Amino acid sequence: MQTISNQKIKDLPLNRTTVLIKQNDTATLKELYKANFTKVKRYVLKNSGDEQQAKDVYQEAFVAMWRNIKDDKFSAESETAINGYLFQIAKYKWLDHIRSVKYKNTTFINREIEYNEPDTDENEVQNRKIKLIMDSIDQLGERCQLLMKLFYFERKSFKEISELMAMDEASARNAKYRCQEQLKKMTQNIPNGFK
């Protein structure tokens, strides 16, 4: 094994650094490791991580870079290519980690409580209210009943109502208002009524 004493990685010729990594040169690997950790650590810390997570991600990235160089899956094309390559691996490993952590912490909704059927007491109260309103409508005069039916149930315009009931539009509006007020008075006594 060749060793390089006190020589910076950036001073090595391009192919020489790759060759030394392939040869598992201890000094080269240590220098490369030390030279790039700070940048990866800063990235992890800025993106919701801590120092231990930065160390773990960097270790995985360094091993992946080393394997890829040994297996000839990566060849350096510039002086900083190895450093950039190592950083990119670390970056993507950290992003994968963040995604998996978010996935693991996803809260799932309990499917058993998704739909609560209203109590039968509430249904009975609602049904009684509707029956009281319908009884109140039945107590209105025939003209009011017809007008309310045409306006609310058949969705007729005031122009159509006025033609069907032989009155002008303004009179149809006023008659509807008066019928509505009568109905309100009749239903005021309904608990939690429709006022």
C-alpha atoms as a PDB file:
ATOM      1  CA  MET A   1       0.000   0.000   0.000  1.00  0.00           C
ATOM      2  CA  GLN A   2       1.208   3.457  -0.847  1.00  0.00           C
ATOM      3  CA  THR A   3       0.994   6.193   1.743  1.00  0.00           C
ATOM      4  CA  ILE A   4       0.948   9.906   1.210  1.00  0.00           C
ATOM      5  CA  SER A   5       2.281  11.950   4.082  1.00  0.00           C
ATOM      6  CA  ASN A   6       0.994  15.488   4.664  1.00  0.00           C
ATOM      7  CA  GLN A   7      -0.186  15.829   1.068  1.00  0.00           C
ATOM      8  CA  LYS A   8      -3.614  17.282   0.450  1.00  0.00           C
ATOM      9  CA  ILE A   9      -6.044  15.379  -1.747  1.00  0.00           C
ATOM     10  CA  LYS A  10      -6.532  18.409  -3.949  1.00  0.00           C
ATOM     11  CA  ASP A  11      -2.805  18.412  -4.782  1.00  0.00           C
ATOM     12  CA  LEU A  12      -2.929  14.881  -6.199  1.00  0.00           C
ATOM     13  CA  PRO A  13      -3.251  14.387  -9.922  1.00  0.00           C
ATOM     14  CA  LEU A  14      -6.783  13.451 -10.868  1.00  0.00           C
ATOM     15  CA  ASN A  15      -6.239   9.837 -11.832  1.00  0.00           C
ATOM     16  CA  ARG A  16      -3.784   9.351  -8.983  1.00  0.00           C
ATOM     17  CA  THR A  17      -6.455  10.056  -6.341  1.00  0.00           C
ATOM     18  CA  THR A  18      -8.774   7.509  -7.917  1.00  0.00           C
ATOM     19  CA  VAL A  19      -5.950   4.963  -8.148  1.00  0.00           C
ATOM     20  CA  LEU A  20      -5.022   5.509  -4.489  1.00  0.00           C
ATOM     21  CA  ILE A  21      -8.664   5.051  -3.441  1.00  0.00           C
ATOM     22  CA  LYS A  22      -8.813   1.808  -5.430  1.00  0.00           C
ATOM     23  CA  GLN A  23      -5.650   0.687  -3.628  1.00  0.00           C
ATOM     24  CA  ASN A  24      -7.222   1.493  -0.249  1.00  0.00           C
ATOM     25  CA  ASP A  25      -4.470   3.983   0.560  1.00  0.00           C
ATOM     26  CA  THR A  26      -5.093   4.837   4.228  1.00  0.00           C
ATOM     27  CA  ALA A  27      -3.691   8.373   4.140  1.00  0.00           C
ATOM     28  CA  THR A  28      -5.662   9.276   1.014  1.00  0.00           C
ATOM     29  CA  LEU A  29      -8.905   7.875   2.421  1.00  0.00           C
ATOM     30  CA  LYS A  30      -8.390   9.664   5.775  1.00  0.00           C
ATOM     31  CA  GLU A  31      -7.624  12.976   4.085  1.00  0.00           C
ATOM     32  CA  LEU A  32     -10.618  12.641   1.779  1.00  0.00           C
ATOM     33  CA  TYR A  33     -12.797  11.714   4.758  1.00  0.00           C
ATOM     34  CA  LYS A  34     -11.656  14.716   6.826  1.00  0.00           C
ATOM     35  CA  ALA A  35     -11.789  17.179   3.931  1.00  0.00           C
ATOM     36  CA  ASN A  36     -15.474  16.567   3.152  1.00  0.00           C
ATOM     37  CA  PHE A  37     -17.150  15.818   6.487  1.00  0.00           C
ATOM     38  CA  THR A  38     -17.628  19.455   7.513  1.00  0.00           C
ATOM     39  CA  LYS A  39     -19.592  20.315   4.384  1.00  0.00           C
ATOM     40  CA  VAL A  40     -21.902  17.292   4.778  1.00  0.00           C
ATOM     41  CA  LYS A  41     -22.349  17.957   8.505  1.00  0.00           C
ATOM     42  CA  ARG A  42     -23.359  21.572   7.784  1.00  0.00           C
ATOM     43  CA  TYR A  43     -25.877  20.361   5.184  1.00  0.00           C
ATOM     44  CA  VAL A  44     -27.462  17.812   7.554  1.00  0.00           C
ATOM     45  CA  LEU A  45     -27.631  20.307  10.435  1.00  0.00           C
ATOM     46  CA  LYS A  46     -29.326  22.895   8.199  1.00  0.00           C
ATOM     47  CA  ASN A  47     -31.878  20.291   7.113  1.00  0.00           C
ATOM     48  CA  SER A  48     -33.337  19.112  10.434  1.00  0.00           C
ATOM     49  CA  GLY A  49     -30.554  16.738  11.456  1.00  0.00           C
ATOM     50  CA  ASP A  50     -28.070  16.476  14.290  1.00  0.00           C
ATOM     51  CA  GLU A  51     -24.336  15.730  14.412  1.00  0.00           C
ATOM     52  CA  GLN A  52     -24.772  11.988  14.993  1.00  0.00           C
ATOM     53  CA  GLN A  53     -27.084  11.708  11.997  1.00  0.00           C
ATOM     54  CA  ALA A  54     -24.540  13.646   9.930  1.00  0.00           C
ATOM     55  CA  LYS A  55     -21.822  11.169  10.940  1.00  0.00           C
ATOM     56  CA  ASP A  56     -24.036   8.185  10.054  1.00  0.00           C
ATOM     57  CA  VAL A  57     -25.066   9.587   6.676  1.00  0.00           C
ATOM     58  CA  TYR A  58     -21.491  10.600   5.856  1.00  0.00           C
ATOM     59  CA  GLN A  59     -20.168   7.136   6.732  1.00  0.00           C
ATOM     60  CA  GLU A  60     -22.720   5.504   4.437  1.00  0.00           C
ATOM     61  CA  ALA A  61     -21.963   7.987   1.658  1.00  0.00           C
ATOM     62  CA  PHE A  62     -18.206   7.484   2.001  1.00  0.00           C
ATOM     63  CA  VAL A  63     -18.549   3.717   1.765  1.00  0.00           C
ATOM     64  CA  ALA A  64     -20.846   4.058  -1.276  1.00  0.00           C
ATOM     65  CA  MET A  65     -18.347   6.412  -2.973  1.00  0.00           C
ATOM     66  CA  TRP A  66     -15.465   4.033  -2.206  1.00  0.00           C
ATOM     67  CA  ARG A  67     -17.389   1.028  -3.609  1.00  0.00           C
ATOM     68  CA  ASN A  68     -18.391   2.900  -6.770  1.00  0.00           C
ATOM     69  CA  ILE A  69     -14.807   3.964  -7.447  1.00  0.00           C
ATOM     70  CA  LYS A  70     -13.501   0.426  -6.825  1.00  0.00           C
ATOM     71  CA  ASP A  71     -16.175  -1.019  -9.134  1.00  0.00           C
ATOM     72  CA  ASP A  72     -15.379   1.569 -11.834  1.00  0.00           C
ATOM     73  CA  LYS A  73     -18.885   3.055 -11.600  1.00  0.00           C
ATOM     74  CA  PHE A  74     -17.409   6.521 -11.154  1.00  0.00           C
ATOM     75  CA  SER A  75     -14.518   8.234 -12.849  1.00  0.00           C
ATOM     76  CA  ALA A  76     -13.346  11.704 -11.854  1.00  0.00           C
ATOM     77  CA  GLU A  77     -13.569  14.314 -14.582  1.00  0.00           C
ATOM     78  CA  SER A  78     -12.196  17.275 -12.620  1.00  0.00           C
ATOM     79  CA  GLU A  79     -10.163  18.000  -9.509  1.00  0.00           C
ATOM     80  CA  THR A  80     -13.217  18.476  -7.313  1.00  0.00           C
ATOM     81  CA  ALA A  81     -15.300  15.702  -8.880  1.00  0.00           C
ATOM     82  CA  ILE A  82     -14.680  13.209  -6.060  1.00  0.00           C
ATOM     83  CA  ASN A  83     -15.567  15.789  -3.403  1.00  0.00           C
ATOM     84  CA  GLY A  84     -18.733  16.767  -5.271  1.00  0.00           C
ATOM     85  CA  TYR A  85     -19.631  13.148  -5.873  1.00  0.00           C
ATOM     86  CA  LEU A  86     -19.235  12.312  -2.184  1.00  0.00           C
ATOM     87  CA  PHE A  87     -21.355  15.309  -1.192  1.00  0.00           C
ATOM     88  CA  GLN A  88     -24.119  14.373  -3.653  1.00  0.00           C
ATOM     89  CA  ILE A  89     -24.257  10.816  -2.311  1.00  0.00           C
ATOM     90  CA  ALA A  90     -24.474  12.143   1.260  1.00  0.00           C
ATOM     91  CA  LYS A  91     -27.115  14.670   0.280  1.00  0.00           C
ATOM     92  CA  TYR A  92     -29.348  12.064  -1.358  1.00  0.00           C
ATOM     93  CA  LYS A  93     -28.868   9.633   1.521  1.00  0.00           C
ATOM     94  CA  TRP A  94     -29.945  12.376   3.937  1.00  0.00           C
ATOM     95  CA  LEU A  95     -32.997  13.226   1.820  1.00  0.00           C
ATOM     96  CA  ASP A  96     -33.932   9.532   1.734  1.00  0.00           C
ATOM     97  CA  HIS A  97     -33.560   9.419   5.511  1.00  0.00           C
ATOM     98  CA  ILE A  98     -35.783  12.475   5.998  1.00  0.00           C
ATOM     99  CA  ARG A  99     -38.451  11.008   3.747  1.00  0.00           C
ATOM    100  CA  SER A 100     -38.408   7.699   5.574  1.00  0.00           C
ATOM    101  CA  VAL A 101     -38.604   9.386   8.984  1.00  0.00           C
ATOM    102  CA  LYS A 102     -41.569  11.459   7.855  1.00  0.00           C
ATOM    103  CA  TYR A 103     -43.223   8.332   6.531  1.00  0.00           C
ATOM    104  CA  LYS A 104     -42.623   6.453   9.770  1.00  0.00           C
ATOM    105  CA  ASN A 105     -44.130   9.286  11.808  1.00  0.00           C
ATOM    106  CA  THR A 106     -47.280   9.521   9.688  1.00  0.00           C
ATOM    107  CA  THR A 107     -50.370   9.263  11.822  1.00  0.00           C
ATOM    108  CA  PHE A 108     -53.055   7.017  10.459  1.00  0.00           C
ATOM    109  CA  ILE A 109     -56.695   7.718  11.195  1.00  0.00           C
ATOM    110  CA  ASN A 110     -58.487   5.091  13.186  1.00  0.00           C
ATOM    111  CA  ARG A 111     -60.980   3.713  10.664  1.00  0.00           C
ATOM    112  CA  GLU A 112     -63.338   2.528  13.411  1.00  0.00           C
ATOM    113  CA  ILE A 113     -64.284   6.059  14.472  1.00  0.00           C
ATOM    114  CA  GLU A 114     -64.531   7.563  11.014  1.00  0.00           C
ATOM    115  CA  TYR A 115     -68.336   7.727  10.971  1.00  0.00           C
ATOM    116  CA  ASN A 116     -70.477   8.416  13.993  1.00  0.00           C
ATOM    117  CA  GLU A 117     -74.109   7.667  13.421  1.00  0.00           C
ATOM    118  CA  PRO A 118     -76.303  10.259  15.113  1.00  0.00           C
ATOM    119  CA  ASP A 119     -78.100   9.101  18.227  1.00  0.00           C
ATOM    120  CA  THR A 120     -81.628   7.893  17.710  1.00  0.00           C
ATOM    121  CA  ASP A 121     -82.738  10.553  20.225  1.00  0.00           C
ATOM    122  CA  GLU A 122     -81.359  13.278  17.937  1.00  0.00           C
ATOM    123  CA  ASN A 123     -83.152  11.717  14.964  1.00  0.00           C
ATOM    124  CA  GLU A 124     -86.407  11.615  16.899  1.00  0.00           C
ATOM    125  CA  VAL A 125     -86.068  15.280  17.918  1.00  0.00           C
ATOM    126  CA  GLN A 126     -85.338  16.278  14.324  1.00  0.00           C
ATOM    127  CA  ASN A 127     -88.310  14.259  13.053  1.00  0.00           C
ATOM    128  CA  ARG A 128     -90.613  15.918  15.625  1.00  0.00           C
ATOM    129  CA  LYS A 129     -89.428  19.376  14.534  1.00  0.00           C
ATOM    130  CA  ILE A 130     -90.092  18.580  10.881  1.00  0.00           C
ATOM    131  CA  LYS A 131     -93.555  17.237  11.738  1.00  0.00           C
ATOM    132  CA  LEU A 132     -94.375  20.417  13.715  1.00  0.00           C
ATOM    133  CA  ILE A 133     -93.270  22.613  10.792  1.00  0.00           C
ATOM    134  CA  MET A 134     -95.318  20.576   8.308  1.00  0.00           C
ATOM    135  CA  ASP A 135     -98.347  20.769  10.650  1.00  0.00           C
ATOM    136  CA  SER A 136     -97.816  24.549  10.865  1.00  0.00           C
ATOM    137  CA  ILE A 137     -97.751  24.808   7.068  1.00  0.00           C
ATOM    138  CA  ASP A 138    -101.014  22.830   6.968  1.00  0.00           C
ATOM    139  CA  GLN A 139    -102.574  25.439   9.308  1.00  0.00           C
ATOM    140  CA  LEU A 140    -101.729  28.263   6.848  1.00  0.00           C
ATOM    141  CA  GLY A 141    -104.432  29.312   4.446  1.00  0.00           C
ATOM    142  CA  GLU A 142    -104.641  27.691   1.011  1.00  0.00           C
ATOM    143  CA  ARG A 143    -103.157  30.717  -0.698  1.00  0.00           C
ATOM    144  CA  CYS A 144    -100.080  30.712   1.617  1.00  0.00           C
ATOM    145  CA  GLN A 145     -99.659  26.961   1.262  1.00  0.00           C
ATOM    146  CA  LEU A 146     -99.678  27.238  -2.531  1.00  0.00           C
ATOM    147  CA  LEU A 147     -97.301  30.207  -2.535  1.00  0.00           C
ATOM    148  CA  MET A 148     -94.789  28.478  -0.188  1.00  0.00           C
ATOM    149  CA  LYS A 149     -94.999  25.262  -2.210  1.00  0.00           C
ATOM    150  CA  LEU A 150     -94.347  27.088  -5.495  1.00  0.00           C
ATOM    151  CA  PHE A 151     -91.466  29.159  -4.104  1.00  0.00           C
ATOM    152  CA  TYR A 152     -89.636  26.646  -1.856  1.00  0.00           C
ATOM    153  CA  PHE A 153     -90.436  23.238  -3.292  1.00  0.00           C
ATOM    154  CA  GLU A 154     -90.929  23.905  -6.990  1.00  0.00           C
ATOM    155  CA  ARG A 155     -88.384  26.766  -7.062  1.00  0.00           C
ATOM    156  CA  LYS A 156     -90.597  29.027  -9.171  1.00  0.00           C
ATOM    157  CA  SER A 157     -89.607  32.659  -9.732  1.00  0.00           C
ATOM    158  CA  PHE A 158     -91.852  35.486  -8.497  1.00  0.00           C
ATOM    159  CA  LYS A 159     -92.800  36.205 -12.113  1.00  0.00           C
ATOM    160  CA  GLU A 160     -94.034  32.603 -12.592  1.00  0.00           C
ATOM    161  CA  ILE A 161     -95.799  32.644  -9.218  1.00  0.00           C
ATOM    162  CA  SER A 162     -97.539  35.924 -10.076  1.00  0.00           C
ATOM    163  CA  GLU A 163     -98.824  34.464 -13.367  1.00  0.00           C
ATOM    164  CA  LEU A 164    -100.041  31.225 -11.737  1.00  0.00           C
ATOM    165  CA  MET A 165    -101.740  33.054  -8.852  1.00  0.00           C
ATOM    166  CA  ALA A 166    -103.095  35.953 -10.935  1.00  0.00           C
ATOM    167  CA  MET A 167    -101.281  38.786  -9.142  1.00  0.00           C
ATOM    168  CA  ASP A 168     -98.394  41.112  -9.930  1.00  0.00           C
ATOM    169  CA  GLU A 169     -94.780  40.306  -8.915  1.00  0.00           C
ATOM    170  CA  ALA A 170     -94.610  42.824  -6.061  1.00  0.00           C
ATOM    171  CA  SER A 171     -97.787  41.358  -4.566  1.00  0.00           C
ATOM    172  CA  ALA A 172     -96.323  37.828  -4.838  1.00  0.00           C
ATOM    173  CA  ARG A 173     -93.217  38.996  -2.966  1.00  0.00           C
ATOM    174  CA  ASN A 174     -95.249  40.655  -0.236  1.00  0.00           C
ATOM    175  CA  ALA A 175     -97.586  37.676   0.104  1.00  0.00           C
ATOM    176  CA  LYS A 176     -94.643  35.275   0.412  1.00  0.00           C
ATOM    177  CA  TYR A 177     -93.104  37.489   3.107  1.00  0.00           C
ATOM    178  CA  ARG A 178     -96.368  37.632   5.091  1.00  0.00           C
ATOM    179  CA  CYS A 179     -96.834  33.847   4.826  1.00  0.00           C
ATOM    180  CA  GLN A 180     -93.258  33.294   5.934  1.00  0.00           C
ATOM    181  CA  GLU A 181     -93.786  35.568   8.980  1.00  0.00           C
ATOM    182  CA  GLN A 182     -96.948  33.640   9.906  1.00  0.00           C
ATOM    183  CA  LEU A 183     -95.033  30.369   9.717  1.00  0.00           C
ATOM    184  CA  LYS A 184     -92.229  31.792  11.917  1.00  0.00           C
ATOM    185  CA  LYS A 185     -94.728  32.797  14.604  1.00  0.00           C
ATOM    186  CA  MET A 186     -96.281  29.325  14.552  1.00  0.00           C
ATOM    187  CA  THR A 187     -92.900  27.579  14.896  1.00  0.00           C
ATOM    188  CA  GLN A 188     -91.338  29.855  17.528  1.00  0.00           C
ATOM    189  CA  ASN A 189     -92.283  27.478  20.316  1.00  0.00           C
ATOM    190  CA  ILE A 190     -90.330  24.569  18.804  1.00  0.00           C
ATOM    191  CA  PRO A 191     -87.248  23.910  21.023  1.00  0.00           C
ATOM    192  CA  ASN A 192     -84.127  24.967  19.088  1.00  0.00           C
ATOM    193  CA  GLY A 193     -86.592  25.741  16.335  1.00  0.00           C
ATOM    194  CA  PHE A 194     -86.036  27.086  12.855  1.00  0.00           C
ATOM    195  CA  LYS A 195     -86.461  30.805  13.351  1.00  0.00           C
END
